[in-house]
Amino acid sequence: MVFSSVTFLFFFLPAALGLYFCSGKHKNLLLLAASLLFYAWGEGIYLLVMLASITVNYGCGRLMFSFARNSEPSKMVLALAIVYNFSVLAFFKYSNFLVENLNHILQTIQLPEIQLNPVHLPIGISFFTFQAVSYLVDVYKGKVAPQKNLVNLGLYIALFPQLIAGPIVRYHDIAKALVSRRVDIDDFAQGVQRFIFGLSKKVLLANPLALVADKIFALPANELTTPLAWLGALCYTLQIYYDFSGYSDMAIGLGRMFGFRFLENFNYPYISKSIQEFWRRWHISLSSWLRDYLYIPLGGNRHGSLRTYCNLLTVFLICGLWHGASWTFICWGLYHGFFLILERTPLGALQQKLWSPLRYILTIFIVVLGWVLFRSDTLGNALQYTAIMLGAAEENNFQLLYLYINSKLIFELTMAVLFSAPLFQLSLHQKDRFMTAHLHNKGTSYYEIFFQCTRIGGLTLLTYFSVISLAAGAYNPFIYFRF
């Protein structure tokens, strides 16, 4: 079950909200049950993997706390728990990839291949594994007390709003809310508004752009032209942003409806003027997790340039692997690591002196080429596609574009490009200034009524068109199955 589905919107969510607000003191138990049902709906027996994660990490957290802080027994429990979590993740996520590559080697030296039935990848396992590990590390370091209530810890790991697509939530950010929280009408209204924004980003922008991107990326190389390749890359660049940030918005909105305040996960990454800035704005919960639990423990930038470069490559190798078991993901991670290293050299200092629009264009160019690598099925396909983007097509003309471009796509691309910049926040800021200048503490004015009616009308239209699109069975891909 996904958020952008009729089943979730009209059956699961209303039922979960209704039962939640009628559950009295048992809100956490009800919400945990709803989260487990949400996960079991699509994953069935693999719910046991999550239940095992909850049980093991709960026990390890309590066990570590029973020993002296930073003692050898406590450290041993932490090490074993981390090995358990990542071993489970590695088995489900990387078994097929490892066996496939090992069989290539065995074929080369003419040895029998390893026979392995395809291993199913449980959705969201990367997200809840990282959450569990951060909880254990913070308990070990004494940053948080271990959760004594199994239901509460289970809710932290399995909470359905952010379970399958993030953001990665730190335990200390919601520890108080797990014990006690309340939702007033303003919180609920803000949550609904944020959810609608996220749903419309996913359904009205990401999905139609995905349709074009998928068609173009599926073309054989001899049918691609340079303009067509750029159109596909641009559509995918915008698709993955609106898909992922849309799901994050929906998760943040749902969390708000249930009394949780999740941190922001995207901050307009496509306005970045460097790759460093891009990673401060893109998938913030993942980049900050990798910084705090991998980069800094490895030494960060505290031991000279060479060590810093090795740490960056290691972190982004892991970042690539986290996204999926494929050489394209690994190379995508190393690709970003390479440019992060480059920005720490004298070339990076030179880049900082460039005219600001040129820095922006250069960063977007690097990011778009990276997304081609991320989107491609194989390294060979990625290299072919990139070469065609850079002018290596057999035939370069704009005629084939007319098979894909129409007034609807032009409108969707225009909206996607415009709203990838903080225009909405700027408009809200200007509205607040206008209201402050005209109200003068006189209470509700016609201006305020007008803006509220406009907001409600806009949300109603977004909801209507999103629901109509879903009801009509429009293209609605789910891109997180590989994560």
Protein backbone atom coordinates (compact mmCIF):
# COMPACT_ATOMS: atom_id res chain seq x y z
CA MET A 1 0.00 0.00 0.00
CA VAL A 2 1.33 3.42 -0.91
CA PHE A 3 0.12 6.90 0.05
CA SER A 4 -0.81 7.77 -3.53
CA SER A 5 -3.45 5.06 -3.83
CA VAL A 6 -7.21 5.03 -3.55
CA THR A 7 -7.03 2.27 -0.92
CA PHE A 8 -4.86 4.36 1.37
CA LEU A 9 -6.62 7.68 0.84
CA PHE A 10 -10.23 6.54 1.18
CA PHE A 11 -10.04 3.46 3.39
CA PHE A 12 -6.86 2.99 5.41
CA LEU A 13 -6.13 6.61 6.40
CA PRO A 14 -9.70 7.59 7.43
CA ALA A 15 -10.02 4.37 9.45
CA ALA A 16 -6.63 4.85 11.12
CA LEU A 17 -7.40 8.48 12.02
CA GLY A 18 -10.88 7.68 13.30
CA LEU A 19 -9.74 4.79 15.50
CA TYR A 20 -6.68 6.72 16.67
CA PHE A 21 -8.66 9.65 18.05
CA CYS A 22 -11.10 7.26 19.72
CA SER A 23 -8.42 5.08 21.32
CA GLY A 24 -7.88 7.11 24.49
CA LYS A 25 -4.77 5.98 26.38
CA HIS A 26 -4.01 3.27 23.85
CA LYS A 27 -3.05 5.56 20.96
CA ASN A 28 0.44 4.09 20.57
CA LEU A 29 -0.84 0.53 20.54
CA LEU A 30 -3.48 1.42 17.95
CA LEU A 31 -0.98 3.29 15.78
CA LEU A 32 1.52 0.43 16.00
CA ALA A 33 -1.18 -2.04 14.96
CA ALA A 34 -2.13 0.22 12.05
CA SER A 35 1.55 0.51 11.03
CA LEU A 36 2.06 -3.26 11.10
CA LEU A 37 -1.11 -3.75 9.07
CA PHE A 38 0.07 -1.11 6.58
CA TYR A 39 3.36 -2.97 6.15
CA ALA A 40 1.83 -6.45 6.06
CA TRP A 41 -0.63 -5.28 3.36
CA GLY A 42 2.14 -5.30 0.79
CA GLU A 43 4.87 -7.41 2.38
CA GLY A 44 2.92 -10.27 3.99
CA ILE A 45 5.22 -12.75 5.71
CA TYR A 46 8.12 -10.28 5.58
CA LEU A 47 6.42 -8.45 8.41
CA LEU A 48 8.34 -10.96 10.55
CA VAL A 49 11.59 -9.25 9.52
CA MET A 50 10.34 -5.99 11.00
CA LEU A 51 9.00 -7.68 14.14
CA ALA A 52 12.40 -9.31 14.64
CA SER A 53 14.07 -5.92 14.22
CA ILE A 54 11.82 -4.38 16.84
CA THR A 55 12.38 -7.21 19.33
CA VAL A 56 16.16 -7.50 18.90
CA ASN A 57 16.81 -3.77 19.03
CA TYR A 58 14.54 -3.33 22.03
CA GLY A 59 16.39 -6.08 23.91
CA CYS A 60 19.84 -4.79 22.92
CA GLY A 61 18.97 -1.25 23.98
CA ARG A 62 17.85 -2.44 27.41
CA LEU A 63 20.83 -4.76 27.75
CA MET A 64 23.36 -2.03 26.91
CA PHE A 65 21.80 0.24 29.50
CA SER A 66 22.16 -2.45 32.16
CA PHE A 67 25.95 -2.32 31.77
CA ALA A 68 28.18 0.62 32.62
CA ARG A 69 28.36 3.24 29.89
CA ASN A 70 31.17 2.61 27.37
CA SER A 71 32.06 -0.63 29.14
CA GLU A 72 33.29 -3.66 27.19
CA PRO A 73 30.03 -5.62 27.66
CA SER A 74 28.03 -2.62 26.45
CA LYS A 75 30.32 -2.20 23.46
CA MET A 76 30.01 -5.90 22.66
CA VAL A 77 26.21 -5.73 22.70
CA LEU A 78 26.29 -2.70 20.39
CA ALA A 79 28.68 -4.43 17.98
CA LEU A 80 26.57 -7.60 17.85
CA ALA A 81 23.37 -5.58 17.36
CA ILE A 82 24.88 -3.58 14.51
CA VAL A 83 26.17 -6.78 12.89
CA TYR A 84 22.69 -8.29 13.19
CA ASN A 85 20.94 -5.27 11.65
CA PHE A 86 23.31 -4.91 8.74
CA SER A 87 23.52 -8.67 8.16
CA VAL A 88 19.75 -8.83 7.72
CA LEU A 89 19.87 -5.80 5.42
CA ALA A 90 22.76 -7.29 3.44
CA PHE A 91 21.04 -10.66 3.02
CA PHE A 92 17.81 -9.27 1.65
CA LYS A 93 19.29 -6.41 -0.32
CA TYR A 94 22.59 -7.67 -1.68
CA SER A 95 22.38 -11.49 -1.92
CA ASN A 96 21.16 -11.46 -5.53
CA PHE A 97 23.77 -8.87 -6.52
CA LEU A 98 26.66 -10.73 -4.87
CA VAL A 99 25.70 -14.11 -6.30
CA GLU A 100 25.21 -12.64 -9.79
CA ASN A 101 28.68 -11.07 -9.77
CA LEU A 102 30.28 -14.12 -8.22
CA ASN A 103 28.75 -16.30 -10.93
CA HIS A 104 30.33 -14.08 -13.59
CA ILE A 105 33.72 -14.85 -12.01
CA LEU A 106 32.94 -18.56 -11.75
CA GLN A 107 31.92 -18.62 -15.42
CA THR A 108 35.22 -17.02 -16.38
CA ILE A 109 37.25 -19.70 -14.58
CA GLN A 110 34.81 -22.42 -15.71
CA LEU A 111 33.55 -23.45 -12.27
CA PRO A 112 29.93 -24.38 -11.41
CA GLU A 113 27.68 -21.44 -10.69
CA ILE A 114 25.96 -20.83 -7.36
CA GLN A 115 22.25 -21.54 -7.48
CA LEU A 116 20.14 -19.10 -5.46
CA ASN A 117 16.46 -18.40 -5.75
CA PRO A 118 15.78 -14.66 -6.05
CA VAL A 119 15.69 -13.06 -2.61
CA HIS A 120 12.79 -10.66 -2.07
CA LEU A 121 13.70 -7.15 -0.90
CA PRO A 122 11.29 -6.03 1.85
CA ILE A 123 10.19 -2.47 1.16
CA GLY A 124 11.60 0.12 3.52
CA ILE A 125 14.19 -2.19 5.11
CA SER A 126 16.97 0.35 4.49
CA PHE A 127 15.00 3.07 6.28
CA PHE A 128 14.01 1.15 9.40
CA THR A 129 17.45 -0.49 9.66
CA PHE A 130 19.20 2.89 9.71
CA GLN A 131 16.70 4.15 12.29
CA ALA A 132 17.32 1.13 14.53
CA VAL A 133 21.11 1.51 14.31
CA SER A 134 20.97 5.23 15.13
CA TYR A 135 18.83 4.41 18.18
CA LEU A 136 21.35 1.84 19.44
CA VAL A 137 24.36 4.11 18.90
CA ASP A 138 22.66 7.00 20.70
CA VAL A 139 21.76 4.71 23.64
CA TYR A 140 25.36 3.50 23.80
CA LYS A 141 26.70 7.06 23.80
CA GLY A 142 24.22 8.09 26.48
CA LYS A 143 22.47 10.63 24.25
CA VAL A 144 19.10 8.99 24.91
CA ALA A 145 17.73 6.59 27.49
CA PRO A 146 16.64 3.19 26.17
CA GLN A 147 12.93 2.85 25.55
CA LYS A 148 11.41 0.68 28.28
CA ASN A 149 8.12 0.16 26.49
CA LEU A 150 8.25 -2.37 23.63
CA VAL A 151 5.18 -0.82 21.97
CA ASN A 152 6.81 2.61 21.94
CA LEU A 153 10.02 1.35 20.38
CA GLY A 154 8.03 -0.70 17.90
CA LEU A 155 6.13 2.42 16.94
CA TYR A 156 9.39 4.32 16.41
CA ILE A 157 10.70 1.65 14.02
CA ALA A 158 7.42 0.81 12.25
CA LEU A 159 5.57 4.17 12.22
CA PHE A 160 3.79 3.98 8.87
CA PRO A 161 3.98 7.65 7.74
CA GLN A 162 7.74 7.40 7.16
CA LEU A 163 8.21 3.65 6.95
CA ILE A 164 8.60 2.99 3.23
CA ALA A 165 10.13 6.19 1.87
CA GLY A 166 11.53 8.13 4.81
CA PRO A 167 12.56 10.54 6.08
CA ILE A 168 14.95 8.66 8.36
CA VAL A 169 13.78 9.76 11.80
CA ARG A 170 16.19 9.94 14.75
CA TYR A 171 14.87 8.53 18.00
CA HIS A 172 15.79 11.62 20.04
CA ASP A 173 13.71 13.80 17.70
CA ILE A 174 10.47 12.02 18.60
CA ALA A 175 11.29 10.42 21.98
CA LYS A 176 9.06 12.82 23.90
CA ALA A 177 6.24 12.52 21.39
CA LEU A 178 6.32 8.73 21.74
CA VAL A 179 5.44 9.14 25.42
CA SER A 180 3.08 12.10 25.30
CA ARG A 181 1.68 14.22 22.49
CA ARG A 182 -1.42 16.09 21.59
CA VAL A 183 -2.93 17.26 18.32
CA ASP A 184 -4.93 20.46 18.12
CA ILE A 185 -6.98 21.66 15.18
CA ASP A 186 -4.16 23.84 13.85
CA ASP A 187 -1.66 20.96 13.92
CA PHE A 188 -4.11 18.69 12.12
CA ALA A 189 -4.93 21.35 9.52
CA GLN A 190 -1.22 21.98 8.87
CA GLY A 191 -0.70 18.24 8.51
CA VAL A 192 -3.55 17.91 6.01
CA GLN A 193 -2.22 20.84 3.99
CA ARG A 194 1.30 19.39 3.89
CA PHE A 195 -0.05 15.99 2.88
CA ILE A 196 -2.06 17.50 0.02
CA PHE A 197 0.99 19.37 -1.24
CA GLY A 198 3.01 16.16 -1.19
CA LEU A 199 0.27 14.14 -2.88
CA SER A 200 -0.09 16.71 -5.67
CA LYS A 201 3.70 16.78 -6.21
CA LYS A 202 3.70 13.02 -6.59
CA VAL A 203 0.53 12.61 -8.68
CA LEU A 204 0.38 15.80 -10.75
CA LEU A 205 4.09 16.31 -11.44
CA ALA A 206 6.22 13.25 -10.71
CA ASN A 207 3.92 10.68 -12.29
CA PRO A 208 3.39 12.31 -15.72
CA LEU A 209 7.09 13.21 -15.92
CA ALA A 210 7.92 9.59 -15.06
CA LEU A 211 5.83 8.39 -17.98
CA VAL A 212 7.94 10.40 -20.44
CA ALA A 213 11.24 9.56 -18.73
CA ASP A 214 10.51 5.83 -18.68
CA LYS A 215 9.58 5.80 -22.37
CA ILE A 216 12.75 7.63 -23.39
CA PHE A 217 15.10 5.61 -21.18
CA ALA A 218 13.57 2.43 -22.62
CA LEU A 219 14.54 3.39 -26.19
CA PRO A 220 17.50 1.61 -27.79
CA ALA A 221 20.55 3.80 -28.30
CA ASN A 222 20.12 3.91 -32.09
CA GLU A 223 16.70 5.56 -31.67
CA LEU A 224 17.92 8.29 -29.32
CA THR A 225 18.89 11.79 -30.36
CA THR A 226 20.70 14.34 -28.22
CA PRO A 227 17.59 16.54 -27.67
CA LEU A 228 15.50 13.48 -26.83
CA ALA A 229 18.11 12.21 -24.37
CA TRP A 230 18.18 15.60 -22.64
CA LEU A 231 14.39 15.61 -22.43
CA GLY A 232 14.44 12.18 -20.76
CA ALA A 233 17.18 13.21 -18.34
CA LEU A 234 15.38 16.45 -17.44
CA CYS A 235 12.09 14.62 -16.88
CA TYR A 236 13.78 12.07 -14.63
CA THR A 237 15.66 14.79 -12.73
CA LEU A 238 12.38 16.48 -11.91
CA GLN A 239 10.50 13.20 -11.42
CA ILE A 240 12.81 11.86 -8.72
CA TYR A 241 12.74 15.19 -6.86
CA TYR A 242 8.96 15.55 -6.87
CA ASP A 243 8.44 11.85 -6.18
CA PHE A 244 10.81 11.70 -3.25
CA SER A 245 10.11 15.13 -1.79
CA GLY A 246 6.39 14.55 -2.36
CA TYR A 247 6.52 11.36 -0.29
CA SER A 248 8.51 13.20 2.38
CA ASP A 249 5.89 15.95 2.45
CA MET A 250 3.14 13.36 2.82
CA ALA A 251 5.08 11.65 5.63
CA ILE A 252 5.64 14.95 7.45
CA GLY A 253 1.96 15.84 7.03
CA LEU A 254 0.77 12.45 8.27
CA GLY A 255 3.12 12.66 11.22
CA ARG A 256 1.69 16.06 12.10
CA MET A 257 -1.86 14.65 12.02
CA PHE A 258 -0.83 12.05 14.60
CA GLY A 259 1.14 14.47 16.79
CA PHE A 260 4.70 13.87 15.49
CA ARG A 261 6.93 16.56 14.04
CA PHE A 262 9.42 15.11 11.58
CA LEU A 263 12.34 17.19 10.38
CA GLU A 264 12.49 18.49 6.82
CA ASN A 265 14.03 16.16 4.26
CA PHE A 266 14.42 18.44 1.21
CA ASN A 267 15.30 22.10 0.92
CA TYR A 268 15.13 22.99 -2.79
CA PRO A 269 18.28 21.07 -3.83
CA TYR A 270 18.10 22.22 -7.45
CA ILE A 271 19.00 25.80 -6.51
CA SER A 272 22.40 24.59 -5.24
CA LYS A 273 25.62 26.17 -6.50
CA SER A 274 27.90 23.31 -5.48
CA ILE A 275 27.67 19.58 -4.87
CA GLN A 276 28.35 20.20 -1.18
CA GLU A 277 25.33 22.48 -1.05
CA PHE A 278 23.29 19.95 -3.02
CA TRP A 279 23.89 17.31 -0.34
CA ARG A 280 22.96 19.76 2.39
CA ARG A 281 19.60 20.17 0.64
CA TRP A 282 18.93 16.71 -0.86
CA HIS A 283 17.59 13.84 1.30
CA ILE A 284 18.75 15.66 4.42
CA SER A 285 17.88 12.82 6.79
CA LEU A 286 20.16 10.39 4.90
CA SER A 287 23.06 12.78 4.36
CA SER A 288 23.00 13.86 8.03
CA TRP A 289 22.79 10.19 9.14
CA LEU A 290 25.84 9.31 7.05
CA ARG A 291 27.66 12.35 8.39
CA ASP A 292 26.93 11.63 12.07
CA TYR A 293 27.19 7.83 12.11
CA LEU A 294 29.81 7.16 9.44
CA TYR A 295 31.80 10.19 8.25
CA ILE A 296 32.55 11.67 11.69
CA PRO A 297 33.36 8.29 13.32
CA LEU A 298 35.75 7.58 10.41
CA GLY A 299 37.58 10.78 11.31
CA GLY A 300 35.74 13.30 9.16
CA ASN A 301 38.11 16.02 8.02
CA ARG A 302 40.24 15.98 11.17
CA HIS A 303 43.24 13.98 9.89
CA GLY A 304 44.46 15.72 6.78
CA SER A 305 43.32 15.96 3.19
CA LEU A 306 44.12 12.40 2.06
CA ARG A 307 42.21 10.86 4.97
CA THR A 308 39.29 13.24 4.34
CA TYR A 309 39.13 12.22 0.67
CA CYS A 310 39.15 8.52 1.61
CA ASN A 311 36.39 9.13 4.15
CA LEU A 312 34.26 10.95 1.58
CA LEU A 313 34.66 8.16 -0.98
CA THR A 314 33.81 5.55 1.68
CA VAL A 315 30.70 7.44 2.79
CA PHE A 316 29.42 7.90 -0.75
CA LEU A 317 30.22 4.33 -1.68
CA ILE A 318 27.93 3.35 1.21
CA CYS A 319 25.43 5.99 0.07
CA GLY A 320 25.32 4.42 -3.38
CA LEU A 321 24.96 0.91 -1.97
CA TRP A 322 22.21 2.09 0.38
CA HIS A 323 20.15 3.14 -2.63
CA GLY A 324 20.37 -0.24 -4.30
CA ALA A 325 22.36 -3.38 -5.15
CA SER A 326 23.69 -2.38 -8.55
CA TRP A 327 26.95 -1.16 -10.06
CA THR A 328 25.10 1.91 -11.31
CA PHE A 329 24.24 2.92 -7.74
CA ILE A 330 27.78 2.25 -6.56
CA CYS A 331 29.24 4.38 -9.36
CA TRP A 332 26.64 7.10 -8.74
CA GLY A 333 27.77 7.30 -5.11
CA LEU A 334 31.46 7.41 -6.07
CA TYR A 335 30.62 9.98 -8.77
CA HIS A 336 29.23 12.36 -6.15
CA GLY A 337 32.10 11.54 -3.80
CA PHE A 338 34.57 12.48 -6.54
CA PHE A 339 33.00 15.91 -7.05
CA LEU A 340 32.85 16.52 -3.31
CA ILE A 341 36.59 15.83 -3.19
CA LEU A 342 37.16 18.06 -6.21
CA GLU A 343 35.41 20.94 -4.46
CA ARG A 344 37.92 20.64 -1.59
CA THR A 345 40.88 21.12 -3.95
CA PRO A 346 42.10 24.40 -5.51
CA LEU A 347 39.63 23.73 -8.35
CA GLY A 348 36.85 24.09 -5.80
CA ALA A 349 38.22 27.44 -4.68
CA LEU A 350 38.29 28.51 -8.33
CA GLN A 351 34.68 27.42 -8.75
CA GLN A 352 33.66 29.63 -5.83
CA LYS A 353 34.95 32.64 -7.78
CA LEU A 354 32.80 31.95 -10.82
CA TRP A 355 29.80 34.08 -11.65
CA SER A 356 26.91 32.80 -9.52
CA PRO A 357 24.67 31.65 -12.44
CA LEU A 358 27.60 29.70 -13.90
CA ARG A 359 28.10 27.89 -10.59
CA TYR A 360 24.43 26.98 -10.60
CA ILE A 361 24.52 25.73 -14.22
CA LEU A 362 27.65 23.68 -13.55
CA THR A 363 26.12 22.05 -10.46
CA ILE A 364 22.87 21.19 -12.23
CA PHE A 365 24.82 19.75 -15.18
CA ILE A 366 26.77 17.45 -12.81
CA VAL A 367 23.61 16.43 -10.96
CA VAL A 368 21.64 15.66 -14.15
CA LEU A 369 24.45 13.47 -15.53
CA GLY A 370 24.53 11.72 -12.18
CA TRP A 371 20.81 10.99 -12.37
CA VAL A 372 21.34 9.32 -15.75
CA LEU A 373 23.76 6.95 -14.05
CA PHE A 374 21.28 6.44 -11.19
CA ARG A 375 18.36 5.74 -13.53
CA SER A 376 20.11 3.41 -15.98
CA ASP A 377 19.86 -0.36 -15.64
CA THR A 378 23.52 -1.01 -16.47
CA LEU A 379 26.76 0.93 -16.65
CA GLY A 380 26.85 0.32 -20.40
CA ASN A 381 23.42 1.88 -20.84
CA ALA A 382 24.44 4.84 -18.69
CA LEU A 383 27.60 5.46 -20.74
CA GLN A 384 25.69 5.19 -24.03
CA TYR A 385 22.95 7.53 -22.85
CA THR A 386 25.47 10.07 -21.49
CA ALA A 387 27.47 9.97 -24.71
CA ILE A 388 24.32 10.71 -26.71
CA MET A 389 23.47 13.61 -24.37
CA LEU A 390 26.93 15.00 -25.10
CA GLY A 391 26.42 14.79 -28.88
CA ALA A 392 27.42 11.26 -29.89
CA ALA A 393 24.05 10.35 -31.44
CA GLU A 394 23.99 9.01 -34.99
CA GLU A 395 21.43 11.63 -35.89
CA ASN A 396 20.72 14.86 -34.02
CA ASN A 397 17.45 16.57 -34.82
CA PHE A 398 14.45 17.85 -32.93
CA GLN A 399 11.77 16.03 -34.91
CA LEU A 400 11.43 13.08 -32.51
CA LEU A 401 10.72 15.51 -29.66
CA TYR A 402 7.27 16.11 -31.11
CA LEU A 403 6.34 12.51 -30.31
CA TYR A 404 6.68 13.33 -26.62
CA ILE A 405 6.18 17.05 -26.22
CA ASN A 406 2.68 18.50 -26.12
CA SER A 407 1.01 21.39 -24.33
CA LYS A 408 0.33 19.23 -21.24
CA LEU A 409 3.98 18.20 -20.86
CA ILE A 410 5.17 21.78 -21.46
CA PHE A 411 2.86 22.96 -18.67
CA GLU A 412 4.02 20.18 -16.32
CA LEU A 413 7.69 20.86 -17.04
CA THR A 414 7.19 24.59 -16.52
CA MET A 415 5.44 24.06 -13.18
CA ALA A 416 8.06 21.53 -12.10
CA VAL A 417 10.95 23.87 -12.90
CA LEU A 418 9.27 26.88 -11.25
CA PHE A 419 8.36 25.07 -8.05
CA SER A 420 11.78 23.47 -7.72
CA ALA A 421 12.78 26.98 -6.58
CA PRO A 422 11.37 28.47 -3.33
CA LEU A 423 8.71 30.53 -5.09
CA PHE A 424 5.96 29.28 -2.78
CA GLN A 425 7.90 30.31 0.35
CA LEU A 426 8.62 33.68 -1.24
CA SER A 427 4.92 34.19 -1.97
CA LEU A 428 4.03 33.30 1.63
CA HIS A 429 6.61 35.78 2.89
CA GLN A 430 5.21 38.51 0.67
CA LYS A 431 1.70 37.64 1.82
CA ASP A 432 2.74 37.95 5.47
CA ARG A 433 4.34 41.33 4.80
CA PHE A 434 1.22 42.48 3.01
CA MET A 435 -1.00 41.33 5.86
CA THR A 436 1.19 43.01 8.46
CA ALA A 437 1.12 46.25 6.52
CA HIS A 438 -2.67 46.29 6.12
CA LEU A 439 -4.06 44.76 9.31
CA HIS A 440 -2.54 47.18 11.87
CA ASN A 441 -3.98 45.08 14.73
CA LYS A 442 -7.53 45.72 13.56
CA GLY A 443 -8.47 42.04 13.63
CA THR A 444 -9.72 40.02 10.70
CA SER A 445 -9.82 41.94 7.47
CA TYR A 446 -11.16 41.31 3.99
CA TYR A 447 -7.57 40.67 2.92
CA GLU A 448 -7.22 37.85 5.45
CA ILE A 449 -10.53 36.31 4.37
CA PHE A 450 -9.43 36.54 0.75
CA PHE A 451 -6.11 34.80 1.38
CA GLN A 452 -7.74 32.05 3.45
CA CYS A 453 -10.36 31.42 0.78
CA THR A 454 -7.63 31.35 -1.88
CA ARG A 455 -5.62 28.83 0.16
CA ILE A 456 -8.61 26.56 0.76
CA GLY A 457 -9.65 26.83 -2.88
CA GLY A 458 -6.15 25.94 -4.05
CA LEU A 459 -5.96 22.93 -1.72
CA THR A 460 -9.38 21.79 -2.90
CA LEU A 461 -8.33 21.96 -6.55
CA LEU A 462 -5.08 20.09 -5.87
CA THR A 463 -6.98 17.38 -4.02
CA TYR A 464 -9.60 17.11 -6.75
CA PHE A 465 -7.14 16.77 -9.63
CA SER A 466 -4.93 14.35 -7.66
CA VAL A 467 -7.85 12.09 -6.77
CA ILE A 468 -9.25 12.23 -10.30
CA SER A 469 -5.87 11.21 -11.69
CA LEU A 470 -5.59 8.26 -9.29
CA ALA A 471 -9.19 7.18 -9.88
CA ALA A 472 -8.58 7.22 -13.63
CA GLY A 473 -5.72 4.77 -13.21
CA ALA A 474 -3.03 7.20 -14.36
CA TYR A 475 0.62 6.10 -14.40
CA ASN A 476 1.67 5.80 -10.75
CA PRO A 477 5.10 4.13 -10.40
CA PHE A 478 6.67 3.35 -7.03
CA ILE A 479 10.40 4.00 -7.28
CA TYR A 480 11.43 3.02 -3.73
CA PHE A 481 11.28 -0.73 -4.16
CA ARG A 482 15.03 -0.75 -4.83
CA PHE A 483 15.80 1.21 -1.66
